[in-house]
């Protein structure tokens, strides 16, 4: 999974891949081995290449505040990318993660007809199970995630075409 942020006027790509009990995170051409545990909704205990770090996070619209060991950083989700992933376009709707989490189960596949309220997939976020349901009857056009994949807030999960 790849995320793009603006930091100090420059575009930065962050790639995150599941690896065992943790993640491989590539940033600025360098790859780090990371394990994370959530201490609170805004606090994380991270082990990065064997070194323990404390991080605090907050989000407001496209801005992401991250503080590592009390050093603050402000990252911005590029607006064009955010708009491209969001919303309804001519009867097609992209369902998005409402918060960062891990895809635990994908219960609908491409081509499946679904009913309003049907559970399409299950996310786990902050030790909570979040059931993503169909907002209307329709046809699953595309599943954008796989079980075990980590997703960020606002990231597309699947595309649904409204039934006629």
Protein backbone atom coordinates (compact mmCIF):
# COMPACT_ATOMS: atom_id res chain seq x y z
CA UNK A 1 0.00 0.00 0.00
CA UNK A 2 1.37 3.40 -0.89
CA UNK A 3 0.50 6.78 0.60
CA UNK A 4 1.50 10.17 -0.76
CA UNK A 5 1.84 13.26 1.41
CA UNK A 6 3.09 16.80 0.98
CA UNK A 7 5.76 17.79 3.50
CA UNK A 8 7.58 21.10 3.31
CA UNK A 9 6.19 21.67 -0.19
CA UNK A 10 7.56 18.36 -1.51
CA UNK A 11 5.69 15.17 -2.37
CA UNK A 12 6.71 12.18 -0.24
CA UNK A 13 5.73 8.57 -0.97
CA UNK A 14 5.42 6.10 1.92
CA UNK A 15 5.07 2.41 1.08
CA UNK A 16 3.76 0.02 3.75
CA UNK A 17 3.81 -3.77 3.36
CA UNK A 18 2.71 -6.37 5.90
CA UNK A 19 5.62 -8.54 7.04
CA UNK A 20 5.07 -11.16 9.74
CA UNK A 21 3.81 -9.42 12.88
CA UNK A 22 4.89 -6.01 11.62
CA UNK A 23 5.47 -3.96 8.51
CA UNK A 24 8.17 -2.98 6.05
CA UNK A 25 7.94 0.80 5.58
CA UNK A 26 9.80 2.44 2.70
CA UNK A 27 10.34 6.19 2.95
CA UNK A 28 12.82 8.25 0.98
CA UNK A 29 14.40 5.18 -0.59
CA UNK A 30 15.12 3.58 2.78
CA UNK A 31 13.21 0.56 4.16
CA UNK A 32 12.48 0.14 7.87
CA UNK A 33 11.16 -2.84 9.83
CA UNK A 34 8.32 -1.55 12.02
CA UNK A 35 6.03 -3.05 14.65
CA UNK A 36 3.30 -0.95 16.20
CA UNK A 37 0.89 -1.12 19.10
CA UNK A 38 -1.77 1.45 19.82
CA UNK A 39 -1.62 2.94 23.32
CA UNK A 40 -4.63 5.22 22.78
CA UNK A 41 -6.55 6.55 19.75
CA UNK A 42 -3.76 9.11 19.21
CA UNK A 43 -0.69 7.34 20.65
CA UNK A 44 1.42 4.55 19.18
CA UNK A 45 4.35 2.60 20.52
CA UNK A 46 6.60 1.83 17.55
CA UNK A 47 9.68 -0.32 17.22
CA UNK A 48 11.63 0.87 14.17
CA UNK A 49 14.62 -1.29 13.20
CA UNK A 50 14.78 -2.47 16.82
CA UNK A 51 14.60 1.05 18.34
CA UNK A 52 11.53 1.88 20.39
CA UNK A 53 9.80 5.21 19.60
CA UNK A 54 6.65 6.95 20.78
CA UNK A 55 4.37 8.64 18.23
CA UNK A 56 1.25 10.78 18.54
CA UNK A 57 -1.08 11.39 15.61
CA UNK A 58 -4.06 13.58 14.78
CA UNK A 59 -5.95 14.39 11.59
CA UNK A 60 -8.05 17.28 10.42
CA UNK A 61 -9.29 17.09 6.85
CA UNK A 62 -6.23 16.68 4.61
CA UNK A 63 -3.73 17.51 7.41
CA UNK A 64 -1.98 14.82 9.44
CA UNK A 65 -0.04 15.79 12.54
CA UNK A 66 2.60 13.31 13.64
CA UNK A 67 4.94 13.76 16.58
CA UNK A 68 7.88 11.37 17.01
CA UNK A 69 9.53 11.67 20.41
CA UNK A 70 7.99 15.17 20.77
CA UNK A 71 9.23 16.41 17.37
CA UNK A 72 6.14 17.54 15.38
CA UNK A 73 5.58 17.09 11.64
CA UNK A 74 2.62 18.23 9.52
CA UNK A 75 1.81 16.12 6.46
CA UNK A 76 -0.87 17.03 3.92
CA UNK A 77 -2.85 14.62 1.73
CA UNK A 78 -2.79 16.13 -1.77
CA UNK A 79 -6.31 17.40 -2.57
CA UNK A 80 -6.43 16.09 -6.14
CA UNK A 81 -5.62 12.56 -4.94
CA UNK A 82 -8.11 12.82 -2.10
CA UNK A 83 -10.91 13.94 -4.46
CA UNK A 84 -10.10 11.16 -6.93
CA UNK A 85 -10.59 8.52 -4.22
CA UNK A 86 -13.77 9.98 -2.81
CA UNK A 87 -17.44 10.05 -3.53
CA UNK A 88 -20.04 9.20 -6.08
CA UNK A 89 -19.56 9.60 -9.83
CA UNK A 90 -22.44 8.88 -12.23
CA UNK A 91 -24.04 6.01 -10.29
CA UNK A 92 -20.67 4.65 -9.18
CA UNK A 93 -19.59 4.97 -5.58
CA UNK A 94 -16.24 4.34 -3.95
CA UNK A 95 -16.62 3.11 -0.37
CA UNK A 96 -13.76 4.33 1.83
CA UNK A 97 -12.17 3.46 5.15
CA UNK A 98 -13.45 5.86 7.80
CA UNK A 99 -10.31 5.28 9.88
CA UNK A 100 -6.96 3.49 9.49
CA UNK A 101 -7.19 -0.24 10.03
CA UNK A 102 -6.60 -3.77 8.78
CA UNK A 103 -8.93 -5.58 6.38
CA UNK A 104 -10.00 -8.71 8.29
CA UNK A 105 -12.58 -10.17 5.87
CA UNK A 106 -13.73 -9.39 2.36
CA UNK A 107 -17.29 -10.70 2.07
CA UNK A 108 -18.16 -9.49 -1.45
CA UNK A 109 -16.41 -10.07 -4.73
CA UNK A 110 -16.33 -8.32 -8.07
CA UNK A 111 -19.56 -8.93 -9.94
CA UNK A 112 -21.60 -9.71 -6.80
CA UNK A 113 -25.07 -8.20 -6.52
CA UNK A 114 -25.58 -6.75 -3.03
CA UNK A 115 -28.50 -5.38 -1.06
CA UNK A 116 -28.64 -2.16 0.95
CA UNK A 117 -27.17 -2.80 4.42
CA UNK A 118 -25.34 -5.99 3.40
CA UNK A 119 -21.91 -6.33 5.04
CA UNK A 120 -19.27 -6.11 2.31
CA UNK A 121 -16.11 -6.26 4.38
CA UNK A 122 -14.85 -6.10 7.94
CA UNK A 123 -12.08 -3.78 9.12
CA UNK A 124 -10.29 -3.89 12.44
CA UNK A 125 -9.27 -0.50 13.78
CA UNK A 126 -8.06 0.26 17.30
CA UNK A 127 -9.18 -3.22 18.44
CA UNK A 128 -12.71 -2.55 17.13
CA UNK A 129 -14.52 -4.44 14.38
CA UNK A 130 -15.99 -2.11 11.75
CA UNK A 131 -18.56 -3.56 9.35
CA UNK A 132 -18.59 -1.75 6.01
CA UNK A 133 -22.08 -2.08 4.52
CA UNK A 134 -23.63 -1.32 1.15
CA UNK A 135 -25.28 2.13 1.23
CA UNK A 136 -27.69 0.93 -1.50
CA UNK A 137 -28.45 -2.12 -3.61
CA UNK A 138 -26.01 -2.54 -6.45
CA UNK A 139 -23.23 -4.42 -8.17
CA UNK A 140 -19.67 -4.66 -6.81
CA UNK A 141 -17.55 -3.34 -9.67
CA UNK A 142 -14.13 -3.60 -8.07
CA UNK A 143 -12.63 -4.76 -4.77
CA UNK A 144 -9.63 -2.54 -4.04
CA UNK A 145 -8.25 -4.34 -0.95
CA UNK A 146 -7.26 -7.83 0.23
CA UNK A 147 -7.61 -9.55 3.58
CA UNK A 148 -4.73 -8.64 5.88
CA UNK A 149 -4.02 -5.37 4.06
CA UNK A 150 -3.57 -2.17 6.06
CA UNK A 151 -5.65 0.78 4.87
CA UNK A 152 -5.53 4.48 5.68
CA UNK A 153 -8.42 6.80 6.43
CA UNK A 154 -10.16 7.83 3.22
CA UNK A 155 -8.64 5.00 1.21
CA UNK A 156 -10.92 3.27 -1.29
CA UNK A 157 -12.11 -0.20 -0.26
CA UNK A 158 -14.42 -1.15 -3.12
CA UNK A 159 -16.43 0.38 -5.92
CA UNK A 160 -20.18 -0.13 -6.06
CA UNK A 161 -22.53 0.60 -8.97
CA UNK A 162 -26.03 1.56 -7.91
CA UNK A 163 -28.82 -0.83 -8.97
CA UNK A 164 -31.29 0.59 -11.50
